[in-house]
Amino acid sequence: MRPALSLALLWCVTDVARGQSPRAANPERPTFATHAYAVAPGYAELEQGLRVEGGAGDATAWDYNLKIGLVRQVQFAFFGAGFIHTSAGGGVGDVGVALKLSASVSPRATLALASSVSFPTGDAGARRGAGRTQGGVLAVASVDASRRLHVDVNLGPVALAAGASQPRWFHSVGAGVALGRYGLTTELYGFTAGAGESAEWGGLGAVTVRPAEWIVVDAGGSVGLWRETPHLLFVGVTTNLGAVFK
């Protein structure tokens, strides 16, 4: 989603069981949070999407997240904003890397620790980046509450940087319902004040569709529920690229 939120970003509600085919797409978008699962070892998955942001920081952007399964339950990712257009002009945004360590604790529950670092490749003066290297760590829990209902919970400090003020904490609860090839997902998310930013709270809703096992399309929006939290509209696609190494 937004460059400042790319420390996590996003999941799909359909077919997230750990026994699924390694060729099945399992996106972290379109929510702000991440699920606890990892891409199968040797496989790659590309998430990308367009977003339109309203409010004080009006922007249109193309975001991406390339995930690669290293070994079982370990995932590495390259993410960022490939292009952002604001009132100050257009250009690339910040980019980063992330590592997710996942562990199944029961047939229905999986826990993960997702750490990330983003780099100031975007122009902060034009509102296309943070202007500094930042890190974050998220504790993640994913639970299949029933055959159709899935829940994700995220909590952790983000926007960690040298010389920064108090850390900013991200927290979210998301729930999704699978309806065959289609899905509905909702999320309540928030950021505490810190790192020079005010607190944000929002609610998200989206629909997903899986035309084939290896591809998932999403569309929806987010409504700011607190002060300067921006509204968002987005559309995206996640593609499982198949095996890239053995």
C-alpha atoms as a PDB file:
ATOM      1  CA  MET A   1       0.000   0.000   0.000  1.00  0.00           C
ATOM      2  CA  ARG A   2       1.467   3.460   0.911  1.00  0.00           C
ATOM      3  CA  PRO A   3       5.306   3.583   1.078  1.00  0.00           C
ATOM      4  CA  ALA A   4       5.186   4.175   4.837  1.00  0.00           C
ATOM      5  CA  LEU A   5       2.995   1.097   5.178  1.00  0.00           C
ATOM      6  CA  SER A   6       4.980  -1.220   2.951  1.00  0.00           C
ATOM      7  CA  LEU A   7       6.492  -2.976   5.961  1.00  0.00           C
ATOM      8  CA  ALA A   8       3.676  -5.349   5.805  1.00  0.00           C
ATOM      9  CA  LEU A   9       1.256  -5.226   3.264  1.00  0.00           C
ATOM     10  CA  LEU A  10      -1.551  -7.533   2.508  1.00  0.00           C
ATOM     11  CA  TRP A  11      -3.407 -11.036   2.227  1.00  0.00           C
ATOM     12  CA  CYS A  12      -6.099 -12.938   0.327  1.00  0.00           C
ATOM     13  CA  VAL A  13      -8.955 -14.834   1.955  1.00  0.00           C
ATOM     14  CA  THR A  14      -9.093 -17.930  -0.248  1.00  0.00           C
ATOM     15  CA  ASP A  15      -7.283 -21.260   0.125  1.00  0.00           C
ATOM     16  CA  VAL A  16      -4.676 -20.324   2.733  1.00  0.00           C
ATOM     17  CA  ALA A  17      -4.308 -23.802   4.211  1.00  0.00           C
ATOM     18  CA  ARG A  18      -0.756 -24.957   4.661  1.00  0.00           C
ATOM     19  CA  GLY A  19      -1.401 -28.033   2.532  1.00  0.00           C
ATOM     20  CA  GLN A  20      -2.223 -26.033  -0.613  1.00  0.00           C
ATOM     21  CA  SER A  21      -0.346 -26.513  -3.874  1.00  0.00           C
ATOM     22  CA  PRO A  22       2.996 -24.636  -4.060  1.00  0.00           C
ATOM     23  CA  ARG A  23       1.680 -23.169  -7.349  1.00  0.00           C
ATOM     24  CA  ALA A  24      -1.329 -21.562  -5.632  1.00  0.00           C
ATOM     25  CA  ALA A  25      -1.129 -17.788  -5.232  1.00  0.00           C
ATOM     26  CA  ASN A  26      -1.410 -16.699  -1.589  1.00  0.00           C
ATOM     27  CA  PRO A  27      -1.203 -12.877  -1.553  1.00  0.00           C
ATOM     28  CA  GLU A  28      -0.522 -10.635   1.399  1.00  0.00           C
ATOM     29  CA  ARG A  29      -2.434  -7.837  -0.335  1.00  0.00           C
ATOM     30  CA  PRO A  30      -4.908  -6.148  -0.333  1.00  0.00           C
ATOM     31  CA  THR A  31      -4.773  -5.491   3.422  1.00  0.00           C
ATOM     32  CA  PHE A  32      -2.195  -3.394   5.267  1.00  0.00           C
ATOM     33  CA  ALA A  33      -1.169  -6.451   7.310  1.00  0.00           C
ATOM     34  CA  THR A  34       0.579  -9.664   6.341  1.00  0.00           C
ATOM     35  CA  HIS A  35      -0.504 -13.267   6.916  1.00  0.00           C
ATOM     36  CA  ALA A  36       1.795 -15.757   8.657  1.00  0.00           C
ATOM     37  CA  TYR A  37       2.382 -18.093   5.701  1.00  0.00           C
ATOM     38  CA  ALA A  38       5.463 -18.289   3.463  1.00  0.00           C
ATOM     39  CA  VAL A  39       5.869 -18.978  -0.243  1.00  0.00           C
ATOM     40  CA  ALA A  40       6.875 -22.588  -0.991  1.00  0.00           C
ATOM     41  CA  PRO A  41      10.653 -23.219  -1.184  1.00  0.00           C
ATOM     42  CA  GLY A  42      12.044 -22.403  -4.620  1.00  0.00           C
ATOM     43  CA  TYR A  43       8.878 -20.594  -5.758  1.00  0.00           C
ATOM     44  CA  ALA A  44       8.355 -16.894  -6.462  1.00  0.00           C
ATOM     45  CA  GLU A  45       5.224 -14.784  -6.222  1.00  0.00           C
ATOM     46  CA  LEU A  46       4.732 -11.220  -7.485  1.00  0.00           C
ATOM     47  CA  GLU A  47       2.179  -8.861  -5.967  1.00  0.00           C
ATOM     48  CA  GLN A  48       1.508  -5.526  -7.637  1.00  0.00           C
ATOM     49  CA  GLY A  49      -1.222  -2.934  -7.575  1.00  0.00           C
ATOM     50  CA  LEU A  50      -2.351   0.623  -8.209  1.00  0.00           C
ATOM     51  CA  ARG A  51      -3.594   2.872  -5.405  1.00  0.00           C
ATOM     52  CA  VAL A  52      -5.123   6.302  -5.266  1.00  0.00           C
ATOM     53  CA  GLU A  53      -4.726   8.112  -1.967  1.00  0.00           C
ATOM     54  CA  GLY A  54      -6.946  10.982  -0.834  1.00  0.00           C
ATOM     55  CA  GLY A  55      -6.367  13.581   1.867  1.00  0.00           C
ATOM     56  CA  ALA A  56      -3.436  15.836   2.670  1.00  0.00           C
ATOM     57  CA  GLY A  57      -0.951  13.510   0.937  1.00  0.00           C
ATOM     58  CA  ASP A  58      -2.825  12.969  -2.350  1.00  0.00           C
ATOM     59  CA  ALA A  59      -0.923  10.437  -4.449  1.00  0.00           C
ATOM     60  CA  THR A  60      -1.285   7.801  -7.160  1.00  0.00           C
ATOM     61  CA  ALA A  61       1.166   4.920  -7.081  1.00  0.00           C
ATOM     62  CA  TRP A  62       2.158   1.507  -8.392  1.00  0.00           C
ATOM     63  CA  ASP A  63       3.410  -0.781  -5.603  1.00  0.00           C
ATOM     64  CA  TYR A  64       5.068  -4.194  -5.881  1.00  0.00           C
ATOM     65  CA  ASN A  65       6.191  -7.040  -3.621  1.00  0.00           C
ATOM     66  CA  LEU A  66       8.268  -9.933  -4.999  1.00  0.00           C
ATOM     67  CA  LYS A  67       8.314 -12.866  -2.563  1.00  0.00           C
ATOM     68  CA  ILE A  68      10.657 -15.856  -2.806  1.00  0.00           C
ATOM     69  CA  GLY A  69      10.533 -19.032  -0.714  1.00  0.00           C
ATOM     70  CA  LEU A  70      14.075 -19.793   0.475  1.00  0.00           C
ATOM     71  CA  VAL A  71      13.492 -22.931   2.525  1.00  0.00           C
ATOM     72  CA  ARG A  72      10.414 -24.348   4.220  1.00  0.00           C
ATOM     73  CA  GLN A  73       8.612 -21.598   6.191  1.00  0.00           C
ATOM     74  CA  VAL A  74      11.213 -18.935   5.343  1.00  0.00           C
ATOM     75  CA  GLN A  75      10.390 -16.189   2.843  1.00  0.00           C
ATOM     76  CA  PHE A  76      12.467 -13.303   1.471  1.00  0.00           C
ATOM     77  CA  ALA A  77      10.879 -10.333  -0.331  1.00  0.00           C
ATOM     78  CA  PHE A  78      11.748  -7.207  -2.307  1.00  0.00           C
ATOM     79  CA  PHE A  79       9.078  -4.503  -2.049  1.00  0.00           C
ATOM     80  CA  GLY A  80       8.582  -0.876  -2.854  1.00  0.00           C
ATOM     81  CA  ALA A  81       6.803   1.821  -4.808  1.00  0.00           C
ATOM     82  CA  GLY A  82       7.851   1.537  -8.444  1.00  0.00           C
ATOM     83  CA  PHE A  83       6.253   4.877  -9.264  1.00  0.00           C
ATOM     84  CA  ILE A  84       4.458   7.585  -7.275  1.00  0.00           C
ATOM     85  CA  HIS A  85       2.823  10.738  -8.614  1.00  0.00           C
ATOM     86  CA  THR A  86       2.048  13.595  -6.224  1.00  0.00           C
ATOM     87  CA  SER A  87       1.352  17.288  -6.705  1.00  0.00           C
ATOM     88  CA  ALA A  88       5.136  17.762  -6.636  1.00  0.00           C
ATOM     89  CA  GLY A  89       5.690  15.409  -9.592  1.00  0.00           C
ATOM     90  CA  GLY A  90       6.356  11.750 -10.247  1.00  0.00           C
ATOM     91  CA  GLY A  91       9.173   9.302  -9.592  1.00  0.00           C
ATOM     92  CA  VAL A  92      10.209   6.172  -7.751  1.00  0.00           C
ATOM     93  CA  GLY A  93       9.428   5.675  -4.073  1.00  0.00           C
ATOM     94  CA  ASP A  94      11.268   3.909  -1.284  1.00  0.00           C
ATOM     95  CA  VAL A  95      12.304   0.275  -1.723  1.00  0.00           C
ATOM     96  CA  GLY A  96      13.013  -2.417   0.850  1.00  0.00           C
ATOM     97  CA  VAL A  97      13.612  -6.036   1.756  1.00  0.00           C
ATOM     98  CA  ALA A  98      11.754  -8.289   4.183  1.00  0.00           C
ATOM     99  CA  LEU A  99      12.286 -11.661   5.841  1.00  0.00           C
ATOM    100  CA  LYS A 100       9.445 -13.779   7.222  1.00  0.00           C
ATOM    101  CA  LEU A 101       9.953 -16.759   9.554  1.00  0.00           C
ATOM    102  CA  SER A 102       6.839 -18.910   9.875  1.00  0.00           C
ATOM    103  CA  ALA A 103       5.878 -21.766  12.212  1.00  0.00           C
ATOM    104  CA  SER A 104       2.701 -23.870  12.375  1.00  0.00           C
ATOM    105  CA  VAL A 105       1.490 -24.351  15.943  1.00  0.00           C
ATOM    106  CA  SER A 106      -1.670 -26.351  15.155  1.00  0.00           C
ATOM    107  CA  PRO A 107      -3.627 -27.556  12.115  1.00  0.00           C
ATOM    108  CA  ARG A 108      -5.508 -24.220  12.157  1.00  0.00           C
ATOM    109  CA  ALA A 109      -2.963 -21.707  13.513  1.00  0.00           C
ATOM    110  CA  THR A 110       0.343 -20.354  12.234  1.00  0.00           C
ATOM    111  CA  LEU A 111       2.649 -17.774  13.805  1.00  0.00           C
ATOM    112  CA  ALA A 112       5.336 -15.684  12.108  1.00  0.00           C
ATOM    113  CA  LEU A 113       7.903 -12.983  12.701  1.00  0.00           C
ATOM    114  CA  ALA A 114       8.241 -10.558   9.791  1.00  0.00           C
ATOM    115  CA  SER A 115      11.145  -8.094   9.775  1.00  0.00           C
ATOM    116  CA  SER A 116      11.886  -5.488   7.112  1.00  0.00           C
ATOM    117  CA  VAL A 117      14.141  -2.593   6.149  1.00  0.00           C
ATOM    118  CA  SER A 118      13.252   0.162   3.674  1.00  0.00           C
ATOM    119  CA  PHE A 119      15.713   2.522   2.008  1.00  0.00           C
ATOM    120  CA  PRO A 120      15.208   6.221   1.102  1.00  0.00           C
ATOM    121  CA  THR A 121      15.254   5.940  -2.685  1.00  0.00           C
ATOM    122  CA  GLY A 122      12.213   8.203  -3.009  1.00  0.00           C
ATOM    123  CA  ASP A 123      12.240  12.010  -2.822  1.00  0.00           C
ATOM    124  CA  ALA A 124      10.998  12.877   0.671  1.00  0.00           C
ATOM    125  CA  GLY A 125      10.545  16.537  -0.266  1.00  0.00           C
ATOM    126  CA  ALA A 126       8.076  15.496  -2.965  1.00  0.00           C
ATOM    127  CA  ARG A 127       6.285  13.129  -0.549  1.00  0.00           C
ATOM    128  CA  ARG A 128       7.580  10.060  -2.366  1.00  0.00           C
ATOM    129  CA  GLY A 129       9.537   8.588   0.536  1.00  0.00           C
ATOM    130  CA  ALA A 130      10.425   8.681   4.207  1.00  0.00           C
ATOM    131  CA  GLY A 131      13.772  10.384   3.709  1.00  0.00           C
ATOM    132  CA  ARG A 132      15.662   7.884   5.874  1.00  0.00           C
ATOM    133  CA  THR A 133      16.370   4.171   6.278  1.00  0.00           C
ATOM    134  CA  GLN A 134      13.684   2.537   8.411  1.00  0.00           C
ATOM    135  CA  GLY A 135      13.084  -0.872   9.917  1.00  0.00           C
ATOM    136  CA  GLY A 136      10.178  -2.767  11.403  1.00  0.00           C
ATOM    137  CA  VAL A 137       9.280  -6.043  13.108  1.00  0.00           C
ATOM    138  CA  LEU A 138       5.807  -7.585  13.142  1.00  0.00           C
ATOM    139  CA  ALA A 139       4.462 -10.481  15.183  1.00  0.00           C
ATOM    140  CA  VAL A 140       1.825 -12.246  13.074  1.00  0.00           C
ATOM    141  CA  ALA A 141      -0.881 -14.801  13.874  1.00  0.00           C
ATOM    142  CA  SER A 142      -3.079 -16.455  11.232  1.00  0.00           C
ATOM    143  CA  VAL A 143      -6.012 -18.664  12.214  1.00  0.00           C
ATOM    144  CA  ASP A 144      -8.517 -20.630  10.146  1.00  0.00           C
ATOM    145  CA  ALA A 145     -11.489 -20.045  12.427  1.00  0.00           C
ATOM    146  CA  SER A 146     -13.722 -22.251  10.265  1.00  0.00           C
ATOM    147  CA  ARG A 147     -13.728 -23.771   6.785  1.00  0.00           C
ATOM    148  CA  ARG A 148     -14.599 -20.390   5.289  1.00  0.00           C
ATOM    149  CA  LEU A 149     -13.490 -17.801   7.869  1.00  0.00           C
ATOM    150  CA  HIS A 150      -9.845 -16.738   8.191  1.00  0.00           C
ATOM    151  CA  VAL A 151      -8.372 -14.237  10.689  1.00  0.00           C
ATOM    152  CA  ASP A 152      -5.008 -12.412  10.716  1.00  0.00           C
ATOM    153  CA  VAL A 153      -3.587 -10.357  13.601  1.00  0.00           C
ATOM    154  CA  ASN A 154      -0.466  -8.141  13.354  1.00  0.00           C
ATOM    155  CA  LEU A 155       1.378  -6.178  16.040  1.00  0.00           C
ATOM    156  CA  GLY A 156       4.804  -4.568  16.114  1.00  0.00           C
ATOM    157  CA  PRO A 157       6.991  -1.446  15.922  1.00  0.00           C
ATOM    158  CA  VAL A 158       7.575   0.174  12.519  1.00  0.00           C
ATOM    159  CA  ALA A 159       9.382   3.279  11.215  1.00  0.00           C
ATOM    160  CA  LEU A 160      12.396   2.392  13.385  1.00  0.00           C
ATOM    161  CA  ALA A 161      15.358   4.598  12.450  1.00  0.00           C
ATOM    162  CA  ALA A 162      18.534   6.063  13.886  1.00  0.00           C
ATOM    163  CA  GLY A 163      17.801   9.296  15.704  1.00  0.00           C
ATOM    164  CA  ALA A 164      14.042   8.788  15.466  1.00  0.00           C
ATOM    165  CA  SER A 165      11.704   9.655  18.311  1.00  0.00           C
ATOM    166  CA  GLN A 166       9.509   7.045  19.986  1.00  0.00           C
ATOM    167  CA  PRO A 167       8.729   4.056  17.734  1.00  0.00           C
ATOM    168  CA  ARG A 168       5.489   3.904  15.814  1.00  0.00           C
ATOM    169  CA  TRP A 169       3.425   0.769  16.458  1.00  0.00           C
ATOM    170  CA  PHE A 170       1.281  -0.939  13.840  1.00  0.00           C
ATOM    171  CA  HIS A 171      -1.687  -3.089  14.860  1.00  0.00           C
ATOM    172  CA  SER A 172      -4.403  -4.738  12.813  1.00  0.00           C
ATOM    173  CA  VAL A 173      -7.123  -7.368  12.870  1.00  0.00           C
ATOM    174  CA  GLY A 174      -8.416  -8.713   9.573  1.00  0.00           C
ATOM    175  CA  ALA A 175     -11.064 -11.283   8.707  1.00  0.00           C
ATOM    176  CA  GLY A 176     -11.931 -12.870   5.392  1.00  0.00           C
ATOM    177  CA  VAL A 177     -14.650 -15.174   4.084  1.00  0.00           C
ATOM    178  CA  ALA A 178     -14.024 -17.526   1.155  1.00  0.00           C
ATOM    179  CA  LEU A 179     -16.874 -18.030  -1.315  1.00  0.00           C
ATOM    180  CA  GLY A 180     -15.467 -20.458  -3.858  1.00  0.00           C
ATOM    181  CA  ARG A 181     -13.361 -18.486  -6.343  1.00  0.00           C
ATOM    182  CA  TYR A 182     -14.443 -15.257  -4.668  1.00  0.00           C
ATOM    183  CA  GLY A 183     -13.637 -13.743  -1.317  1.00  0.00           C
ATOM    184  CA  LEU A 184     -14.545 -10.849   0.933  1.00  0.00           C
ATOM    185  CA  THR A 185     -12.079  -9.332   3.373  1.00  0.00           C
ATOM    186  CA  THR A 186     -12.221  -6.589   6.004  1.00  0.00           C
ATOM    187  CA  GLU A 187      -9.582  -5.090   8.261  1.00  0.00           C
ATOM    188  CA  LEU A 188      -9.287  -2.599  11.090  1.00  0.00           C
ATOM    189  CA  TYR A 189      -5.779  -1.160  11.310  1.00  0.00           C
ATOM    190  CA  GLY A 190      -3.931   1.574  13.142  1.00  0.00           C
ATOM    191  CA  PHE A 191      -0.605   3.299  13.724  1.00  0.00           C
ATOM    192  CA  THR A 192       0.302   4.988  16.980  1.00  0.00           C
ATOM    193  CA  ALA A 193       1.882   8.433  16.901  1.00  0.00           C
ATOM    194  CA  GLY A 194       5.669   8.354  16.563  1.00  0.00           C
ATOM    195  CA  ALA A 195       8.626   8.897  14.232  1.00  0.00           C
ATOM    196  CA  GLY A 196       7.329  12.378  13.500  1.00  0.00           C
ATOM    197  CA  GLU A 197       3.918  11.100  12.348  1.00  0.00           C
ATOM    198  CA  SER A 198       0.487  11.445  13.937  1.00  0.00           C
ATOM    199  CA  ALA A 199      -1.703   8.482  14.861  1.00  0.00           C
ATOM    200  CA  GLU A 200      -3.775   6.818  12.117  1.00  0.00           C
ATOM    201  CA  TRP A 201      -6.789   4.525  12.233  1.00  0.00           C
ATOM    202  CA  GLY A 202      -8.700   3.053   9.323  1.00  0.00           C
ATOM    203  CA  GLY A 203     -11.049   0.385   8.046  1.00  0.00           C
ATOM    204  CA  LEU A 204     -10.571  -1.566   4.827  1.00  0.00           C
ATOM    205  CA  GLY A 205     -12.849  -3.664   2.649  1.00  0.00           C
ATOM    206  CA  ALA A 206     -12.102  -5.572  -0.550  1.00  0.00           C
ATOM    207  CA  VAL A 207     -13.248  -8.334  -2.874  1.00  0.00           C
ATOM    208  CA  THR A 208     -10.957 -10.955  -4.403  1.00  0.00           C
ATOM    209  CA  VAL A 209     -11.355 -13.354  -7.293  1.00  0.00           C
ATOM    210  CA  ARG A 210      -9.169 -16.301  -8.333  1.00  0.00           C
ATOM    211  CA  PRO A 211      -9.482 -16.883 -12.129  1.00  0.00           C
ATOM    212  CA  ALA A 212      -6.913 -19.672 -11.878  1.00  0.00           C
ATOM    213  CA  GLU A 213      -4.954 -21.387  -9.129  1.00  0.00           C
ATOM    214  CA  TRP A 214      -1.878 -19.217  -9.703  1.00  0.00           C
ATOM    215  CA  ILE A 215      -3.515 -15.783  -9.903  1.00  0.00           C
ATOM    216  CA  VAL A 216      -5.648 -13.624  -7.564  1.00  0.00           C
ATOM    217  CA  VAL A 217      -7.159 -10.225  -8.402  1.00  0.00           C
ATOM    218  CA  ASP A 218      -8.296  -7.760  -5.720  1.00  0.00           C
ATOM    219  CA  ALA A 219     -10.147  -4.422  -5.589  1.00  0.00           C
ATOM    220  CA  GLY A 220     -11.415  -2.288  -2.732  1.00  0.00           C
ATOM    221  CA  GLY A 221     -10.758   0.690  -0.556  1.00  0.00           C
ATOM    222  CA  SER A 222      -9.880   1.996   2.879  1.00  0.00           C
ATOM    223  CA  VAL A 223     -11.592   4.726   4.889  1.00  0.00           C
ATOM    224  CA  GLY A 224      -9.673   6.883   7.341  1.00  0.00           C
ATOM    225  CA  LEU A 225     -11.373   6.786  10.747  1.00  0.00           C
ATOM    226  CA  TRP A 226      -9.130   9.201  12.635  1.00  0.00           C
ATOM    227  CA  ARG A 227      -8.059  12.781  11.841  1.00  0.00           C
ATOM    228  CA  GLU A 228      -5.606  12.885   8.921  1.00  0.00           C
ATOM    229  CA  THR A 229      -5.765   9.173   8.058  1.00  0.00           C
ATOM    230  CA  PRO A 230      -6.153   9.130   4.241  1.00  0.00           C
ATOM    231  CA  HIS A 231      -8.823   7.374   2.207  1.00  0.00           C
ATOM    232  CA  LEU A 232      -7.607   4.857  -0.388  1.00  0.00           C
ATOM    233  CA  LEU A 233      -8.869   3.104  -3.503  1.00  0.00           C
ATOM    234  CA  PHE A 234      -6.860   0.197  -4.914  1.00  0.00           C
ATOM    235  CA  VAL A 235      -6.796  -2.623  -7.444  1.00  0.00           C
ATOM    236  CA  GLY A 236      -4.138  -5.285  -7.794  1.00  0.00           C
ATOM    237  CA  VAL A 237      -3.072  -8.735  -8.883  1.00  0.00           C
ATOM    238  CA  THR A 238      -0.916 -11.468  -7.359  1.00  0.00           C
ATOM    239  CA  THR A 239       0.765 -14.009  -9.644  1.00  0.00           C
ATOM    240  CA  ASN A 240       2.546 -17.175  -8.562  1.00  0.00           C
ATOM    241  CA  LEU A 241       5.457 -17.328 -11.021  1.00  0.00           C
ATOM    242  CA  GLY A 242       6.227 -20.971 -10.341  1.00  0.00           C
ATOM    243  CA  ALA A 243       9.529 -22.589  -9.409  1.00  0.00           C
ATOM    244  CA  VAL A 244      12.598 -20.389  -9.930  1.00  0.00           C
ATOM    245  CA  PHE A 245      15.182 -22.666  -8.313  1.00  0.00           C
ATOM    246  CA  LYS A 246      15.431 -26.097  -6.687  1.00  0.00           C
END
